[in-house]
N, C-alpha and C. Protein backbone atom coordinates (compact mmCIF):
# COMPACT_ATOMS: atom_id res chain seq x y z
N MET A 1 0.85 -1.17 0.00
CA MET A 1 0.00 0.00 0.00
C MET A 1 0.90 1.23 0.00
N ALA A 2 0.81 2.06 -1.01
CA ALA A 2 1.58 3.29 -1.09
C ALA A 2 1.07 4.30 -0.06
N VAL A 3 1.97 5.16 0.39
CA VAL A 3 1.60 6.15 1.41
C VAL A 3 0.85 7.30 0.75
N SER A 4 -0.21 7.76 1.39
CA SER A 4 -1.00 8.86 0.86
C SER A 4 -0.17 10.14 0.83
N ALA A 5 -0.56 11.10 -0.01
CA ALA A 5 0.15 12.37 -0.11
C ALA A 5 0.17 13.11 1.22
N ARG A 6 -0.94 13.10 1.95
CA ARG A 6 -1.00 13.79 3.25
C ARG A 6 -0.05 13.14 4.25
N ALA A 7 -0.04 11.83 4.34
CA ALA A 7 0.88 11.14 5.25
C ALA A 7 2.32 11.42 4.86
N ALA A 8 2.61 11.39 3.58
CA ALA A 8 3.97 11.68 3.11
C ALA A 8 4.38 13.10 3.50
N ALA A 9 3.46 14.04 3.39
CA ALA A 9 3.77 15.43 3.77
C ALA A 9 4.07 15.54 5.27
N LEU A 10 3.31 14.82 6.08
CA LEU A 10 3.53 14.85 7.53
C LEU A 10 4.87 14.24 7.91
N LEU A 11 5.38 13.33 7.09
CA LEU A 11 6.62 12.63 7.38
C LEU A 11 7.82 13.15 6.59
N ALA A 12 7.62 14.19 5.77
CA ALA A 12 8.66 14.67 4.87
C ALA A 12 9.89 15.22 5.60
N SER A 13 9.69 15.91 6.71
CA SER A 13 10.80 16.50 7.45
C SER A 13 10.90 15.85 8.82
N PRO A 14 12.12 15.68 9.33
CA PRO A 14 12.26 15.10 10.67
C PRO A 14 11.48 15.90 11.70
N ARG A 15 10.81 15.22 12.57
CA ARG A 15 10.02 15.87 13.62
C ARG A 15 9.89 14.96 14.83
N ARG A 16 9.35 15.50 15.91
CA ARG A 16 9.07 14.72 17.11
C ARG A 16 7.87 13.82 16.82
N VAL A 17 7.99 12.57 17.21
CA VAL A 17 6.94 11.57 17.00
C VAL A 17 6.75 10.78 18.29
N VAL A 18 5.50 10.51 18.64
CA VAL A 18 5.19 9.56 19.71
C VAL A 18 4.38 8.44 19.07
N GLU A 19 4.87 7.21 19.26
CA GLU A 19 4.12 6.06 18.78
C GLU A 19 3.37 5.45 19.96
N LEU A 20 2.07 5.27 19.80
CA LEU A 20 1.23 4.65 20.82
C LEU A 20 1.14 3.15 20.57
N GLY A 21 1.13 2.38 21.65
CA GLY A 21 0.98 0.93 21.53
C GLY A 21 2.04 0.33 20.63
N SER A 22 3.28 0.67 20.87
CA SER A 22 4.38 0.31 19.97
C SER A 22 4.57 -1.18 19.77
N GLY A 23 4.26 -1.99 20.77
CA GLY A 23 4.45 -3.43 20.61
C GLY A 23 5.89 -3.75 20.32
N THR A 24 6.19 -4.27 19.14
CA THR A 24 7.58 -4.59 18.76
C THR A 24 8.35 -3.35 18.35
N GLY A 25 7.65 -2.25 18.07
CA GLY A 25 8.31 -0.99 17.73
C GLY A 25 8.62 -0.81 16.27
N VAL A 26 8.08 -1.66 15.41
CA VAL A 26 8.47 -1.60 14.00
C VAL A 26 8.15 -0.24 13.36
N VAL A 27 7.00 0.35 13.66
CA VAL A 27 6.64 1.64 13.06
C VAL A 27 7.55 2.75 13.58
N GLY A 28 7.66 2.85 14.90
CA GLY A 28 8.48 3.90 15.49
C GLY A 28 9.95 3.78 15.13
N LEU A 29 10.47 2.55 15.11
CA LEU A 29 11.88 2.37 14.77
C LEU A 29 12.14 2.71 13.30
N ALA A 30 11.19 2.39 12.43
CA ALA A 30 11.34 2.78 11.01
C ALA A 30 11.35 4.30 10.88
N LEU A 31 10.51 4.99 11.64
CA LEU A 31 10.50 6.45 11.60
C LEU A 31 11.80 7.03 12.16
N ALA A 32 12.31 6.44 13.24
CA ALA A 32 13.59 6.90 13.80
C ALA A 32 14.71 6.68 12.80
N ALA A 33 14.70 5.55 12.09
CA ALA A 33 15.72 5.26 11.09
C ALA A 33 15.58 6.15 9.87
N ALA A 34 14.45 6.85 9.76
CA ALA A 34 14.26 7.83 8.68
C ALA A 34 14.60 9.25 9.16
N GLY A 35 15.12 9.36 10.39
CA GLY A 35 15.59 10.66 10.88
C GLY A 35 14.68 11.37 11.86
N HIS A 36 13.58 10.76 12.26
CA HIS A 36 12.67 11.38 13.21
C HIS A 36 13.12 11.12 14.65
N ASP A 37 12.66 11.97 15.55
CA ASP A 37 12.93 11.87 16.99
C ASP A 37 11.71 11.19 17.61
N VAL A 38 11.81 9.89 17.88
CA VAL A 38 10.64 9.08 18.21
C VAL A 38 10.68 8.59 19.66
N THR A 39 9.54 8.72 20.32
CA THR A 39 9.33 8.08 21.60
C THR A 39 8.35 6.93 21.37
N LEU A 40 8.83 5.73 21.61
CA LEU A 40 8.00 4.53 21.46
C LEU A 40 7.36 4.23 22.80
N THR A 41 6.04 4.13 22.83
CA THR A 41 5.35 3.92 24.10
C THR A 41 4.48 2.66 24.08
N ASP A 42 4.34 2.12 25.26
CA ASP A 42 3.41 1.01 25.46
C ASP A 42 3.18 0.90 26.95
N THR A 43 2.28 0.04 27.32
CA THR A 43 2.01 -0.18 28.74
C THR A 43 2.82 -1.38 29.21
N PRO A 44 3.36 -1.30 30.43
CA PRO A 44 4.18 -2.40 30.91
C PRO A 44 3.38 -3.59 31.45
N THR A 45 2.09 -3.41 31.56
CA THR A 45 1.28 -4.47 32.16
C THR A 45 0.14 -4.87 31.24
N VAL A 46 -0.41 -6.03 31.52
CA VAL A 46 -1.57 -6.52 30.80
C VAL A 46 -2.57 -7.01 31.83
N ALA A 47 -3.84 -6.78 31.56
CA ALA A 47 -4.89 -7.26 32.47
C ALA A 47 -5.13 -8.74 32.22
N VAL A 48 -5.02 -9.51 33.27
CA VAL A 48 -5.20 -10.96 33.18
C VAL A 48 -6.41 -11.34 34.02
N PRO A 49 -7.39 -12.00 33.42
CA PRO A 49 -8.56 -12.40 34.20
C PRO A 49 -8.21 -13.44 35.27
N SER A 50 -8.84 -13.31 36.41
CA SER A 50 -8.61 -14.23 37.52
C SER A 50 -9.90 -15.00 37.81
N PHE A 51 -9.78 -16.30 38.03
CA PHE A 51 -10.93 -17.14 38.30
C PHE A 51 -10.67 -17.95 39.58
N ASP A 52 -11.73 -18.22 40.32
CA ASP A 52 -11.56 -19.06 41.51
C ASP A 52 -11.48 -20.53 41.08
N CYS A 53 -11.32 -21.42 42.05
CA CYS A 53 -11.12 -22.83 41.73
C CYS A 53 -12.33 -23.47 41.06
N GLU A 54 -13.49 -22.82 41.15
CA GLU A 54 -14.69 -23.36 40.51
C GLU A 54 -14.98 -22.68 39.17
N GLY A 55 -14.06 -21.81 38.75
CA GLY A 55 -14.20 -21.17 37.45
C GLY A 55 -14.97 -19.87 37.45
N ALA A 56 -15.32 -19.34 38.61
CA ALA A 56 -16.05 -18.07 38.67
C ALA A 56 -15.06 -16.91 38.52
N TYR A 57 -15.42 -15.96 37.67
CA TYR A 57 -14.57 -14.79 37.43
C TYR A 57 -14.46 -13.96 38.70
N GLU A 58 -13.22 -13.60 39.07
CA GLU A 58 -12.97 -12.80 40.27
C GLU A 58 -12.47 -11.40 39.96
N GLY A 59 -12.25 -11.10 38.70
CA GLY A 59 -11.72 -9.78 38.32
C GLY A 59 -10.38 -9.94 37.61
N ASP A 60 -9.80 -8.82 37.28
CA ASP A 60 -8.52 -8.82 36.57
C ASP A 60 -7.40 -8.44 37.52
N TYR A 61 -6.22 -8.95 37.26
CA TYR A 61 -5.02 -8.48 37.95
C TYR A 61 -4.03 -8.06 36.87
N LEU A 62 -3.10 -7.18 37.22
CA LEU A 62 -2.13 -6.70 36.26
C LEU A 62 -0.86 -7.54 36.35
N ALA A 63 -0.38 -7.95 35.20
CA ALA A 63 0.85 -8.74 35.13
C ALA A 63 1.83 -8.06 34.18
N ASP A 64 3.10 -8.27 34.40
CA ASP A 64 4.14 -7.73 33.53
C ASP A 64 3.98 -8.38 32.15
N SER A 65 3.82 -7.55 31.13
CA SER A 65 3.62 -8.08 29.78
C SER A 65 4.92 -8.43 29.09
N GLY A 66 6.05 -7.90 29.57
CA GLY A 66 7.33 -8.13 28.92
C GLY A 66 7.56 -7.26 27.70
N VAL A 67 6.55 -6.50 27.31
CA VAL A 67 6.66 -5.70 26.09
C VAL A 67 7.72 -4.60 26.21
N MET A 68 7.88 -4.01 27.39
CA MET A 68 8.84 -2.92 27.53
C MET A 68 10.27 -3.44 27.37
N ARG A 69 10.57 -4.60 27.93
CA ARG A 69 11.91 -5.20 27.77
C ARG A 69 12.19 -5.47 26.29
N ALA A 70 11.19 -6.04 25.61
CA ALA A 70 11.37 -6.35 24.19
C ALA A 70 11.53 -5.08 23.36
N LEU A 71 10.77 -4.06 23.69
CA LEU A 71 10.85 -2.80 22.96
C LEU A 71 12.22 -2.15 23.13
N ARG A 72 12.73 -2.15 24.36
CA ARG A 72 14.07 -1.60 24.61
C ARG A 72 15.13 -2.40 23.84
N ALA A 73 14.99 -3.71 23.82
CA ALA A 73 15.95 -4.55 23.10
C ALA A 73 15.91 -4.26 21.60
N HIS A 74 14.72 -4.10 21.04
CA HIS A 74 14.61 -3.80 19.61
C HIS A 74 15.21 -2.44 19.29
N ALA A 75 14.99 -1.45 20.16
CA ALA A 75 15.57 -0.12 19.94
C ALA A 75 17.09 -0.21 19.97
N ALA A 76 17.64 -0.97 20.90
CA ALA A 76 19.10 -1.13 20.98
C ALA A 76 19.65 -1.83 19.73
N GLU A 77 18.92 -2.81 19.21
CA GLU A 77 19.36 -3.53 18.02
C GLU A 77 19.47 -2.61 16.80
N HIS A 78 18.65 -1.58 16.76
CA HIS A 78 18.61 -0.69 15.59
C HIS A 78 19.29 0.65 15.84
N ALA A 79 20.00 0.78 16.95
CA ALA A 79 20.60 2.06 17.34
C ALA A 79 21.56 2.60 16.28
N ARG A 80 22.38 1.75 15.68
CA ARG A 80 23.36 2.26 14.71
C ARG A 80 22.67 2.83 13.48
N ALA A 81 21.66 2.14 12.96
CA ALA A 81 20.94 2.65 11.78
C ALA A 81 20.24 3.97 12.12
N ILE A 82 19.69 4.06 13.30
CA ILE A 82 19.01 5.29 13.73
C ILE A 82 20.01 6.42 13.87
N ASP A 83 21.17 6.14 14.47
CA ASP A 83 22.21 7.16 14.61
C ASP A 83 22.70 7.65 13.25
N ARG A 84 22.88 6.73 12.30
CA ARG A 84 23.33 7.12 10.95
C ARG A 84 22.34 8.08 10.29
N ALA A 85 21.07 7.89 10.57
CA ALA A 85 20.04 8.75 9.96
C ALA A 85 19.82 10.03 10.78
N ARG A 86 20.58 10.16 11.87
CA ARG A 86 20.42 11.29 12.79
C ARG A 86 19.03 11.30 13.43
N GLY A 87 18.47 10.12 13.56
CA GLY A 87 17.20 9.98 14.26
C GLY A 87 17.44 9.70 15.73
N ARG A 88 16.36 9.50 16.42
CA ARG A 88 16.45 9.19 17.85
C ARG A 88 15.28 8.28 18.21
N ALA A 89 15.56 7.28 19.03
CA ALA A 89 14.49 6.39 19.51
C ALA A 89 14.68 6.21 21.01
N ARG A 90 13.63 6.49 21.75
CA ARG A 90 13.63 6.20 23.18
C ARG A 90 12.32 5.50 23.51
N VAL A 91 12.34 4.76 24.59
CA VAL A 91 11.20 3.95 25.00
C VAL A 91 10.66 4.51 26.30
N ALA A 92 9.32 4.64 26.38
CA ALA A 92 8.69 5.16 27.60
C ALA A 92 7.40 4.40 27.86
N GLU A 93 7.14 4.17 29.13
CA GLU A 93 5.86 3.59 29.52
C GLU A 93 4.78 4.66 29.41
N LEU A 94 3.64 4.29 28.87
CA LEU A 94 2.51 5.22 28.79
C LEU A 94 1.22 4.40 28.82
N THR A 95 0.45 4.60 29.85
CA THR A 95 -0.85 3.95 29.98
C THR A 95 -1.90 4.91 29.46
N TRP A 96 -2.68 4.48 28.50
CA TRP A 96 -3.72 5.34 27.93
C TRP A 96 -4.68 5.78 29.02
N GLY A 97 -5.08 7.04 28.93
CA GLY A 97 -6.00 7.61 29.91
C GLY A 97 -5.28 8.35 31.02
N ASP A 98 -3.96 8.19 31.14
CA ASP A 98 -3.16 8.92 32.12
C ASP A 98 -2.76 10.24 31.47
N ALA A 99 -3.63 11.24 31.61
CA ALA A 99 -3.42 12.53 30.93
C ALA A 99 -2.13 13.21 31.37
N ALA A 100 -1.80 13.11 32.65
CA ALA A 100 -0.58 13.76 33.15
C ALA A 100 0.66 13.14 32.50
N ALA A 101 0.69 11.81 32.41
CA ALA A 101 1.82 11.13 31.78
C ALA A 101 1.89 11.48 30.29
N ALA A 102 0.75 11.51 29.63
CA ALA A 102 0.73 11.84 28.20
C ALA A 102 1.18 13.27 27.97
N ALA A 103 0.75 14.19 28.82
CA ALA A 103 1.11 15.60 28.66
C ALA A 103 2.62 15.80 28.76
N ARG A 104 3.33 14.94 29.48
CA ARG A 104 4.79 15.06 29.57
C ARG A 104 5.46 14.82 28.22
N HIS A 105 4.76 14.15 27.32
CA HIS A 105 5.30 13.90 25.98
C HIS A 105 4.79 14.91 24.94
N ALA A 106 3.88 15.80 25.35
CA ALA A 106 3.31 16.78 24.41
C ALA A 106 4.40 17.75 23.96
N ALA A 107 4.29 18.18 22.72
CA ALA A 107 5.25 19.15 22.16
C ALA A 107 4.58 19.82 20.97
N PRO A 108 4.97 21.05 20.67
CA PRO A 108 4.44 21.69 19.46
C PRO A 108 4.81 20.86 18.23
N ASN A 109 3.90 20.80 17.28
CA ASN A 109 4.13 20.13 16.01
C ASN A 109 4.40 18.63 16.15
N LEU A 110 3.92 18.03 17.22
CA LEU A 110 4.12 16.60 17.47
C LEU A 110 3.30 15.77 16.49
N LEU A 111 3.87 14.68 16.03
CA LEU A 111 3.13 13.71 15.25
C LEU A 111 2.91 12.47 16.12
N VAL A 112 1.67 12.10 16.30
CA VAL A 112 1.33 10.88 17.05
C VAL A 112 0.94 9.82 16.03
N VAL A 113 1.53 8.64 16.16
CA VAL A 113 1.21 7.54 15.25
C VAL A 113 0.82 6.31 16.07
N GLY A 114 0.05 5.46 15.44
CA GLY A 114 -0.33 4.20 16.06
C GLY A 114 -0.76 3.23 14.99
N SER A 115 -0.44 1.97 15.19
CA SER A 115 -0.82 0.94 14.24
C SER A 115 -1.55 -0.17 14.99
N ASP A 116 -2.76 -0.46 14.55
CA ASP A 116 -3.57 -1.52 15.14
C ASP A 116 -3.80 -1.26 16.63
N VAL A 117 -4.22 -0.03 16.95
CA VAL A 117 -4.45 0.36 18.34
C VAL A 117 -5.93 0.48 18.69
N THR A 118 -6.82 0.14 17.78
CA THR A 118 -8.25 0.33 18.04
C THR A 118 -9.03 -0.97 18.16
N TYR A 119 -8.34 -2.10 18.28
CA TYR A 119 -9.05 -3.39 18.31
C TYR A 119 -9.85 -3.61 19.59
N GLU A 120 -9.52 -2.90 20.65
CA GLU A 120 -10.22 -3.06 21.94
C GLU A 120 -11.17 -1.88 22.14
N ARG A 121 -12.44 -2.08 21.84
CA ARG A 121 -13.43 -1.00 21.87
C ARG A 121 -13.46 -0.29 23.23
N ARG A 122 -13.32 -1.02 24.31
CA ARG A 122 -13.40 -0.37 25.63
C ARG A 122 -12.21 0.54 25.91
N ALA A 123 -11.14 0.44 25.11
CA ALA A 123 -9.97 1.31 25.27
C ALA A 123 -10.10 2.61 24.49
N TRP A 124 -11.11 2.74 23.63
CA TRP A 124 -11.23 3.93 22.79
C TRP A 124 -11.27 5.23 23.59
N PRO A 125 -12.08 5.35 24.65
CA PRO A 125 -12.09 6.62 25.40
C PRO A 125 -10.72 6.99 25.96
N SER A 126 -10.00 6.00 26.47
CA SER A 126 -8.65 6.26 27.01
C SER A 126 -7.68 6.63 25.89
N LEU A 127 -7.79 5.96 24.76
CA LEU A 127 -6.94 6.28 23.61
C LEU A 127 -7.18 7.72 23.16
N LEU A 128 -8.44 8.10 23.02
CA LEU A 128 -8.77 9.45 22.55
C LEU A 128 -8.35 10.52 23.57
N ALA A 129 -8.49 10.24 24.85
CA ALA A 129 -8.04 11.18 25.89
C ALA A 129 -6.52 11.34 25.83
N THR A 130 -5.83 10.26 25.60
CA THR A 130 -4.37 10.31 25.50
C THR A 130 -3.95 11.12 24.28
N LEU A 131 -4.63 10.93 23.16
CA LEU A 131 -4.34 11.73 21.97
C LEU A 131 -4.51 13.21 22.26
N GLY A 132 -5.60 13.56 22.95
CA GLY A 132 -5.84 14.96 23.28
C GLY A 132 -4.73 15.55 24.12
N ALA A 133 -4.26 14.80 25.12
CA ALA A 133 -3.18 15.28 25.98
C ALA A 133 -1.87 15.40 25.20
N LEU A 134 -1.59 14.43 24.35
CA LEU A 134 -0.35 14.47 23.57
C LEU A 134 -0.32 15.65 22.60
N LEU A 135 -1.47 15.97 22.02
CA LEU A 135 -1.51 17.04 21.01
C LEU A 135 -1.82 18.40 21.62
N SER A 136 -1.77 18.51 22.94
CA SER A 136 -2.08 19.78 23.60
C SER A 136 -1.03 20.85 23.35
N GLY A 137 0.13 20.47 22.81
CA GLY A 137 1.18 21.44 22.51
C GLY A 137 0.88 22.30 21.29
N GLY A 138 -0.12 21.92 20.50
CA GLY A 138 -0.52 22.70 19.32
C GLY A 138 0.25 22.33 18.07
N GLY A 139 -0.43 22.44 16.93
CA GLY A 139 0.19 22.25 15.63
C GLY A 139 0.52 20.82 15.28
N GLY A 140 0.07 19.87 16.08
CA GLY A 140 0.41 18.47 15.84
C GLY A 140 -0.58 17.76 14.95
N ALA A 141 -0.31 16.49 14.73
CA ALA A 141 -1.16 15.66 13.89
C ALA A 141 -1.15 14.24 14.43
N CYS A 142 -2.15 13.47 14.04
CA CYS A 142 -2.26 12.08 14.45
C CYS A 142 -2.59 11.21 13.25
N LEU A 143 -1.78 10.18 13.04
CA LEU A 143 -2.03 9.19 11.99
C LEU A 143 -2.18 7.82 12.64
N LEU A 144 -3.29 7.16 12.37
CA LEU A 144 -3.51 5.82 12.87
C LEU A 144 -3.76 4.87 11.71
N ALA A 145 -3.09 3.73 11.74
CA ALA A 145 -3.38 2.66 10.80
C ALA A 145 -4.31 1.69 11.52
N LEU A 146 -5.52 1.56 11.02
CA LEU A 146 -6.53 0.74 11.68
C LEU A 146 -6.70 -0.58 10.95
N GLN A 147 -6.54 -1.65 11.69
CA GLN A 147 -6.80 -2.99 11.15
C GLN A 147 -8.22 -3.34 11.54
N GLU A 148 -9.08 -3.51 10.55
CA GLU A 148 -10.47 -3.86 10.86
C GLU A 148 -10.54 -5.32 11.27
N ARG A 149 -11.17 -5.51 12.41
CA ARG A 149 -11.38 -6.86 12.93
C ARG A 149 -12.89 -7.06 13.00
N ALA A 150 -13.40 -7.54 14.11
CA ALA A 150 -14.85 -7.72 14.25
C ALA A 150 -15.58 -6.38 14.22
N THR A 151 -14.91 -5.33 14.70
CA THR A 151 -15.53 -4.00 14.73
C THR A 151 -15.01 -3.19 13.54
N PRO A 152 -15.89 -2.70 12.68
CA PRO A 152 -15.46 -1.90 11.54
C PRO A 152 -14.85 -0.56 11.97
N ALA A 153 -13.95 -0.05 11.14
CA ALA A 153 -13.32 1.25 11.41
C ALA A 153 -14.37 2.34 11.59
N ARG A 154 -15.46 2.25 10.87
CA ARG A 154 -16.50 3.29 10.95
C ARG A 154 -17.05 3.43 12.37
N ALA A 155 -17.09 2.34 13.13
CA ALA A 155 -17.55 2.42 14.53
C ALA A 155 -16.58 3.25 15.35
N PHE A 156 -15.27 3.08 15.10
CA PHE A 156 -14.29 3.91 15.79
C PHE A 156 -14.44 5.37 15.37
N TYR A 157 -14.65 5.62 14.06
CA TYR A 157 -14.82 6.99 13.59
C TYR A 157 -15.99 7.67 14.31
N ARG A 158 -17.11 6.96 14.45
CA ARG A 158 -18.28 7.54 15.14
C ARG A 158 -17.95 7.85 16.59
N ALA A 159 -17.26 6.95 17.28
CA ALA A 159 -16.89 7.20 18.68
C ALA A 159 -15.93 8.38 18.79
N ALA A 160 -14.97 8.46 17.87
CA ALA A 160 -14.02 9.57 17.89
C ALA A 160 -14.73 10.89 17.61
N GLU A 161 -15.62 10.90 16.64
CA GLU A 161 -16.35 12.12 16.31
C GLU A 161 -17.21 12.57 17.48
N ALA A 162 -17.82 11.63 18.19
CA ALA A 162 -18.63 11.97 19.37
C ALA A 162 -17.76 12.57 20.48
N ALA A 163 -16.47 12.22 20.50
CA ALA A 163 -15.54 12.73 21.51
C ALA A 163 -14.81 13.98 21.05
N GLY A 164 -15.18 14.52 19.88
CA GLY A 164 -14.60 15.78 19.43
C GLY A 164 -13.44 15.66 18.46
N TRP A 165 -13.41 14.60 17.69
CA TRP A 165 -12.36 14.39 16.71
C TRP A 165 -12.96 14.23 15.32
N ALA A 166 -12.29 14.75 14.32
CA ALA A 166 -12.64 14.49 12.93
C ALA A 166 -11.73 13.37 12.44
N CYS A 167 -12.29 12.45 11.69
CA CYS A 167 -11.53 11.33 11.14
C CYS A 167 -11.51 11.45 9.62
N ASP A 168 -10.34 11.62 9.06
CA ASP A 168 -10.18 11.71 7.62
C ASP A 168 -9.45 10.47 7.14
N GLU A 169 -10.19 9.60 6.47
CA GLU A 169 -9.59 8.37 5.97
C GLU A 169 -8.74 8.72 4.75
N LEU A 170 -7.43 8.65 4.92
CA LEU A 170 -6.50 9.05 3.87
C LEU A 170 -6.31 7.95 2.83
N GLN A 171 -6.47 6.71 3.28
CA GLN A 171 -6.18 5.59 2.41
C GLN A 171 -6.87 4.35 2.96
N ARG A 172 -7.24 3.46 2.07
CA ARG A 172 -7.88 2.21 2.48
C ARG A 172 -7.41 1.09 1.58
N ASP A 173 -7.14 -0.05 2.20
CA ASP A 173 -6.80 -1.26 1.47
C ASP A 173 -7.86 -2.29 1.87
N ASP A 174 -8.90 -2.43 1.05
CA ASP A 174 -10.00 -3.33 1.39
C ASP A 174 -9.57 -4.79 1.46
N ALA A 175 -8.62 -5.19 0.64
CA ALA A 175 -8.17 -6.59 0.65
C ALA A 175 -7.54 -6.95 1.99
N ARG A 176 -6.78 -6.01 2.56
CA ARG A 176 -6.11 -6.27 3.84
C ARG A 176 -6.92 -5.74 5.03
N ARG A 177 -8.03 -5.07 4.74
CA ARG A 177 -8.90 -4.48 5.77
C ARG A 177 -8.13 -3.51 6.67
N VAL A 178 -7.37 -2.62 6.02
CA VAL A 178 -6.56 -1.63 6.72
C VAL A 178 -6.92 -0.25 6.21
N ALA A 179 -7.01 0.70 7.14
CA ALA A 179 -7.26 2.09 6.75
C ALA A 179 -6.23 2.98 7.44
N LEU A 180 -5.75 3.99 6.74
CA LEU A 180 -4.88 5.01 7.30
C LEU A 180 -5.73 6.24 7.54
N VAL A 181 -5.78 6.69 8.80
CA VAL A 181 -6.70 7.75 9.20
C VAL A 181 -5.95 8.87 9.89
N GLU A 182 -6.29 10.10 9.54
CA GLU A 182 -5.79 11.26 10.28
C GLU A 182 -6.88 11.74 11.21
N LEU A 183 -6.56 11.90 12.48
CA LEU A 183 -7.49 12.43 13.47
C LEU A 183 -7.12 13.88 13.76
N THR A 184 -8.13 14.73 13.78
CA THR A 184 -7.93 16.15 14.07
C THR A 184 -8.94 16.57 15.12
N ARG A 185 -8.48 17.30 16.11
CA ARG A 185 -9.35 17.76 17.20
C ARG A 185 -10.31 18.82 16.67
N THR A 186 -11.61 18.61 16.86
CA THR A 186 -12.60 19.59 16.42
C THR A 186 -13.14 20.41 17.58
N ARG A 187 -13.06 19.86 18.79
CA ARG A 187 -13.50 20.59 19.97
C ARG A 187 -12.80 20.00 21.19
N ALA A 188 -12.78 20.79 22.26
CA ALA A 188 -12.14 20.33 23.50
C ALA A 188 -12.92 19.15 24.07
N ALA A 189 -12.20 18.35 24.85
CA ALA A 189 -12.84 17.19 25.48
C ALA A 189 -13.93 17.62 26.43
N ASP A 190 -14.96 16.78 26.53
CA ASP A 190 -16.08 17.07 27.43
C ASP A 190 -15.66 16.96 28.87
């Protein structure tokens, strides 16, 4: 899938980037290797359901997901290529919905990116709140690559629009069920 003209324009010059839900870090590390100053973020824990001995659900507990260790290792593996491109990659914990933590990463003209970060519908309000805090520095942009699963991208667009965001689908690959979307703040959070 070729990159849309708008996405290419947003990535044309090196800039500060925060990647949400980095996972293995492939998107953020590629941007750092292209000369961008990237902060790769993810949450260090995962909610694990707990059941009693008879199988009754008792709630969730948080467990170390191991993702932060893997992300740091991947960043270290690619450090030379990133240095050659005069890029930068650092890893930071960021739990969606923690506005204070997200605001620490806010900067003017920030680009926020995320790939396959909308699969969990109950996380959408926290994701959108985090985007708002990250882009509070002004002049920034947000690009999300959405992988459609059981929930169509349009459902996310409606939820985002209800929370004060405009969703501009820049590109779509129907065969792979992927859409590249730019989110723009239309009004302050409720």
